[in-house]
Each structure stands twice: as structure tokens, then as C-alpha cells.
């Protein structure tokens, strides 16, 4: 599994995106927007995971263990990113 994106790595990605955003080439500016979109999504997912952890934490008075839920089939990261980039490309001004 790849290393986690900690705050330092996200800050580095933001710096790269800022540099790409100032490039004259459309492809580089588009790459900068994509990086920034992905960073925003990662940060949102971190918040959602934190909230989910707080909401699903067992209370001390609950003695019985909840029944485990069956695993949910999740789309791959590649397919999710491909779909988001496709949607962003469709909505991006020419």
C-alpha cells in the first residue's frame, strides 16, 4: 500500500499545483486544477472518516458488540478519479 498523504505531502502537492497553475500551457494549468481538486477531495474524505469514527465509536454503556456489516463493494480509486476528471472536463470552460 502506498504511503499516506500527511499534511507535509499535501502541502508539497499544493506547491506543485501552484507552480503548474502559473504555466503558460493549458495542459499544465489543467493538471494544477486536477491536483487541487484531488487535494480537496482527500481533505474532505479525512473529515468524513473522522466524523464516521466519532459517530461509530462504541459507548461505554454498550456491552454487546454490534454485528459486523457485510463488506461493501467499492469502486477502485482509478475508476473514481477517472469519472471525476471526466466530469470536470465536461464542465470546464473551453
N, C-alpha and C. Protein backbone atom coordinates (compact mmCIF):
# COMPACT_ATOMS: atom_id res chain seq x y z
N UNK A 1 0.85 -1.18 0.00
CA UNK A 1 0.00 0.00 0.00
C UNK A 1 0.89 1.24 0.00
N UNK A 2 0.50 2.23 -0.72
CA UNK A 2 1.29 3.46 -0.81
C UNK A 2 1.25 4.20 0.51
N UNK A 3 2.25 5.06 0.70
CA UNK A 3 2.30 5.85 1.92
C UNK A 3 1.12 6.80 1.98
N UNK A 4 0.69 7.10 3.19
CA UNK A 4 -0.44 8.02 3.39
C UNK A 4 -0.03 9.44 3.06
N UNK A 5 -1.01 10.22 2.65
CA UNK A 5 -0.78 11.63 2.38
C UNK A 5 -0.92 12.41 3.68
N UNK A 6 0.20 12.76 4.29
CA UNK A 6 0.15 13.55 5.51
C UNK A 6 0.13 15.04 5.13
N UNK A 7 0.08 15.90 6.13
CA UNK A 7 -0.03 17.34 5.88
C UNK A 7 1.15 17.87 5.06
N UNK A 8 2.33 17.35 5.32
CA UNK A 8 3.52 17.82 4.59
C UNK A 8 3.44 17.44 3.11
N UNK A 9 3.00 16.25 2.81
CA UNK A 9 2.89 15.83 1.42
C UNK A 9 1.79 16.61 0.70
N UNK A 10 0.69 16.87 1.38
CA UNK A 10 -0.38 17.66 0.77
C UNK A 10 0.11 19.08 0.51
N UNK A 11 0.88 19.64 1.44
CA UNK A 11 1.44 20.98 1.23
C UNK A 11 2.38 20.99 0.03
N UNK A 12 3.17 19.94 -0.15
CA UNK A 12 4.06 19.83 -1.31
C UNK A 12 3.24 19.77 -2.60
N UNK A 13 2.17 18.98 -2.59
CA UNK A 13 1.31 18.90 -3.77
C UNK A 13 0.69 20.26 -4.10
N UNK A 14 0.30 21.01 -3.07
CA UNK A 14 -0.25 22.36 -3.30
C UNK A 14 0.78 23.26 -3.96
N UNK A 15 2.03 23.16 -3.50
CA UNK A 15 3.11 23.97 -4.10
C UNK A 15 3.29 23.61 -5.57
N UNK A 16 3.28 22.33 -5.88
CA UNK A 16 3.40 21.89 -7.27
C UNK A 16 2.25 22.42 -8.10
N UNK A 17 1.05 22.31 -7.55
CA UNK A 17 -0.13 22.79 -8.28
C UNK A 17 -0.04 24.30 -8.51
N UNK A 18 0.42 25.03 -7.51
CA UNK A 18 0.57 26.48 -7.67
C UNK A 18 1.55 26.80 -8.80
N UNK A 19 2.65 26.05 -8.86
CA UNK A 19 3.62 26.26 -9.93
C UNK A 19 3.03 25.93 -11.30
N UNK A 20 2.30 24.82 -11.38
CA UNK A 20 1.69 24.43 -12.64
C UNK A 20 0.61 25.42 -13.07
N UNK A 21 -0.07 26.00 -12.12
CA UNK A 21 -1.15 26.95 -12.44
C UNK A 21 -0.61 28.20 -13.10
N UNK A 22 0.65 28.52 -12.87
CA UNK A 22 1.26 29.72 -13.46
C UNK A 22 1.90 29.45 -14.82
N UNK A 23 1.88 28.19 -15.25
CA UNK A 23 2.47 27.83 -16.52
C UNK A 23 1.61 28.37 -17.67
N UNK A 24 2.24 28.65 -18.78
CA UNK A 24 1.53 29.18 -19.95
C UNK A 24 0.72 28.12 -20.69
N UNK A 25 1.09 26.86 -20.54
CA UNK A 25 0.43 25.78 -21.26
C UNK A 25 -0.88 25.38 -20.58
N UNK A 26 -1.91 25.23 -21.41
CA UNK A 26 -3.23 24.85 -20.90
C UNK A 26 -3.18 23.51 -20.18
N UNK A 27 -2.39 22.57 -20.69
CA UNK A 27 -2.32 21.24 -20.09
C UNK A 27 -1.78 21.31 -18.66
N UNK A 28 -0.81 22.18 -18.44
CA UNK A 28 -0.22 22.30 -17.11
C UNK A 28 -1.20 22.95 -16.13
N UNK A 29 -1.92 23.95 -16.62
CA UNK A 29 -2.93 24.59 -15.75
C UNK A 29 -4.05 23.62 -15.43
N UNK A 30 -4.42 22.79 -16.40
CA UNK A 30 -5.45 21.77 -16.16
C UNK A 30 -4.95 20.75 -15.13
N UNK A 31 -3.69 20.38 -15.23
CA UNK A 31 -3.11 19.45 -14.26
C UNK A 31 -3.12 20.07 -12.86
N UNK A 32 -2.84 21.36 -12.78
CA UNK A 32 -2.88 22.06 -11.49
C UNK A 32 -4.28 22.01 -10.90
N UNK A 33 -5.29 22.25 -11.72
CA UNK A 33 -6.67 22.20 -11.24
C UNK A 33 -7.02 20.79 -10.76
N UNK A 34 -6.58 19.80 -11.51
CA UNK A 34 -6.86 18.41 -11.13
C UNK A 34 -6.21 18.07 -9.79
N UNK A 35 -4.97 18.48 -9.61
CA UNK A 35 -4.27 18.23 -8.34
C UNK A 35 -5.01 18.89 -7.20
N UNK A 36 -5.42 20.14 -7.39
CA UNK A 36 -6.13 20.86 -6.34
C UNK A 36 -7.49 20.22 -6.03
N UNK A 37 -8.17 19.74 -7.07
CA UNK A 37 -9.44 19.05 -6.86
C UNK A 37 -9.23 17.78 -6.03
N UNK A 38 -8.18 17.05 -6.35
CA UNK A 38 -7.91 15.81 -5.63
C UNK A 38 -7.51 16.08 -4.18
N UNK A 39 -6.73 17.14 -3.96
CA UNK A 39 -6.36 17.51 -2.59
C UNK A 39 -7.61 17.85 -1.79
N UNK A 40 -8.50 18.63 -2.39
CA UNK A 40 -9.74 18.98 -1.70
C UNK A 40 -10.55 17.73 -1.36
N UNK A 41 -10.58 16.79 -2.27
CA UNK A 41 -11.33 15.56 -2.04
C UNK A 41 -10.69 14.73 -0.93
N UNK A 42 -9.36 14.65 -0.91
CA UNK A 42 -8.66 13.91 0.14
C UNK A 42 -8.96 14.53 1.49
N UNK A 43 -8.91 15.86 1.57
CA UNK A 43 -9.18 16.53 2.83
C UNK A 43 -10.63 16.31 3.27
N UNK A 44 -11.56 16.33 2.33
CA UNK A 44 -12.96 16.07 2.65
C UNK A 44 -13.13 14.64 3.16
N UNK A 45 -12.46 13.70 2.53
CA UNK A 45 -12.54 12.30 2.97
C UNK A 45 -11.95 12.13 4.36
N UNK A 46 -10.87 12.85 4.66
CA UNK A 46 -10.29 12.79 6.01
C UNK A 46 -11.31 13.26 7.04
N UNK A 47 -12.01 14.35 6.74
CA UNK A 47 -13.02 14.88 7.66
C UNK A 47 -14.16 13.87 7.82
N UNK A 48 -14.62 13.30 6.70
CA UNK A 48 -15.70 12.32 6.77
C UNK A 48 -15.30 11.09 7.58
N UNK A 49 -14.07 10.64 7.39
CA UNK A 49 -13.60 9.49 8.17
C UNK A 49 -13.54 9.82 9.66
N UNK A 50 -13.09 11.02 9.97
CA UNK A 50 -13.02 11.43 11.37
C UNK A 50 -14.41 11.45 11.98
N UNK A 51 -15.37 12.04 11.25
CA UNK A 51 -16.75 12.08 11.75
C UNK A 51 -17.32 10.67 11.86
N UNK A 52 -17.07 9.84 10.90
CA UNK A 52 -17.58 8.47 10.94
C UNK A 52 -17.01 7.72 12.14
N UNK A 53 -15.74 7.96 12.43
CA UNK A 53 -15.12 7.32 13.59
C UNK A 53 -15.76 7.77 14.89
N UNK A 54 -16.09 9.06 14.97
CA UNK A 54 -16.74 9.57 16.17
C UNK A 54 -18.15 9.03 16.31
N UNK A 55 -18.86 8.96 15.20
CA UNK A 55 -20.24 8.51 15.26
C UNK A 55 -20.36 7.02 15.53
N UNK A 56 -19.40 6.25 15.04
CA UNK A 56 -19.50 4.80 15.19
C UNK A 56 -18.73 4.27 16.39
N UNK A 57 -18.10 5.16 17.17
CA UNK A 57 -17.36 4.71 18.36
C UNK A 57 -18.35 4.13 19.37
N UNK A 58 -18.05 2.96 19.91
CA UNK A 58 -18.97 2.34 20.86
C UNK A 58 -19.03 3.15 22.16
N UNK A 59 -20.21 3.24 22.72
CA UNK A 59 -20.38 3.91 24.01
C UNK A 59 -19.99 2.95 25.11
N UNK A 60 -19.54 3.49 26.23
CA UNK A 60 -19.09 2.63 27.31
C UNK A 60 -20.22 1.78 27.87
N UNK A 61 -21.45 2.32 27.88
CA UNK A 61 -22.56 1.56 28.43
C UNK A 61 -23.03 0.44 27.51
N UNK A 62 -22.61 0.42 26.25
CA UNK A 62 -22.99 -0.63 25.32
C UNK A 62 -22.07 -1.83 25.53
N UNK A 63 -22.63 -2.89 26.11
CA UNK A 63 -21.82 -4.07 26.40
C UNK A 63 -21.79 -5.03 25.23
N UNK A 64 -22.89 -5.10 24.49
CA UNK A 64 -22.97 -6.05 23.38
C UNK A 64 -22.25 -5.49 22.16
N UNK A 65 -21.54 -6.38 21.49
CA UNK A 65 -20.84 -5.98 20.26
C UNK A 65 -21.84 -5.96 19.11
N UNK A 66 -21.78 -4.91 18.27
CA UNK A 66 -22.68 -4.90 17.12
C UNK A 66 -22.26 -5.96 16.10
N UNK A 67 -23.24 -6.44 15.36
CA UNK A 67 -22.94 -7.43 14.34
C UNK A 67 -22.19 -6.78 13.19
N UNK A 68 -21.11 -7.41 12.71
CA UNK A 68 -20.36 -6.80 11.61
C UNK A 68 -21.19 -6.74 10.34
N UNK A 69 -21.03 -5.63 9.62
CA UNK A 69 -21.74 -5.46 8.36
C UNK A 69 -20.98 -6.18 7.25
N UNK A 70 -21.70 -6.69 6.26
CA UNK A 70 -21.00 -7.35 5.15
C UNK A 70 -20.17 -6.32 4.39
N UNK A 71 -19.05 -6.75 3.83
CA UNK A 71 -18.21 -5.80 3.08
C UNK A 71 -18.96 -5.23 1.89
N UNK A 72 -18.75 -3.94 1.67
CA UNK A 72 -19.41 -3.24 0.58
C UNK A 72 -18.44 -3.18 -0.59
N UNK A 73 -18.93 -3.51 -1.77
CA UNK A 73 -18.11 -3.44 -2.98
C UNK A 73 -17.87 -1.97 -3.30
N UNK A 74 -16.62 -1.55 -3.28
CA UNK A 74 -16.29 -0.15 -3.54
C UNK A 74 -15.60 -0.03 -4.89
N UNK A 75 -15.87 1.07 -5.59
CA UNK A 75 -15.18 1.27 -6.87
C UNK A 75 -13.70 1.53 -6.61
N UNK A 76 -12.90 1.22 -7.61
CA UNK A 76 -11.46 1.43 -7.46
C UNK A 76 -11.15 2.92 -7.49
N UNK A 77 -10.03 3.28 -6.90
CA UNK A 77 -9.59 4.68 -6.89
C UNK A 77 -9.43 5.17 -8.32
N UNK A 78 -8.89 4.34 -9.17
CA UNK A 78 -8.68 4.73 -10.57
C UNK A 78 -10.01 5.07 -11.26
N UNK A 79 -11.03 4.23 -11.05
CA UNK A 79 -12.31 4.49 -11.71
C UNK A 79 -12.98 5.75 -11.15
N UNK A 80 -12.86 5.98 -9.85
CA UNK A 80 -13.44 7.18 -9.25
C UNK A 80 -12.75 8.42 -9.78
N UNK A 81 -11.42 8.40 -9.81
CA UNK A 81 -10.68 9.56 -10.31
C UNK A 81 -10.97 9.81 -11.79
N UNK A 82 -11.04 8.74 -12.57
CA UNK A 82 -11.32 8.89 -13.99
C UNK A 82 -12.68 9.56 -14.20
N UNK A 83 -13.67 9.12 -13.43
CA UNK A 83 -15.01 9.68 -13.55
C UNK A 83 -15.05 11.15 -13.13
N UNK A 84 -14.35 11.48 -12.05
CA UNK A 84 -14.34 12.88 -11.59
C UNK A 84 -13.62 13.78 -12.57
N UNK A 85 -12.53 13.30 -13.13
CA UNK A 85 -11.81 14.10 -14.12
C UNK A 85 -12.65 14.27 -15.39
N UNK A 86 -13.38 13.22 -15.77
CA UNK A 86 -14.25 13.33 -16.94
C UNK A 86 -15.33 14.38 -16.70
N UNK A 87 -15.94 14.35 -15.52
CA UNK A 87 -16.99 15.32 -15.20
C UNK A 87 -16.41 16.73 -15.15
N UNK A 88 -15.21 16.88 -14.58
CA UNK A 88 -14.59 18.19 -14.50
C UNK A 88 -14.27 18.71 -15.89
N UNK A 89 -13.83 17.83 -16.77
CA UNK A 89 -13.50 18.24 -18.15
C UNK A 89 -14.76 18.66 -18.89
N UNK A 90 -15.88 18.01 -18.61
CA UNK A 90 -17.13 18.37 -19.26
C UNK A 90 -17.64 19.73 -18.81
N UNK A 91 -17.39 20.07 -17.54
CA UNK A 91 -17.91 21.32 -17.00
C UNK A 91 -16.92 22.47 -17.09
N UNK A 92 -15.66 22.17 -17.43
CA UNK A 92 -14.63 23.21 -17.50
C UNK A 92 -14.87 24.10 -18.73
N UNK A 93 -14.68 25.42 -18.54
CA UNK A 93 -14.82 26.31 -19.70
C UNK A 93 -13.70 26.06 -20.70
N UNK A 94 -13.99 26.26 -21.97
CA UNK A 94 -13.00 26.00 -23.03
C UNK A 94 -11.97 27.06 -23.11
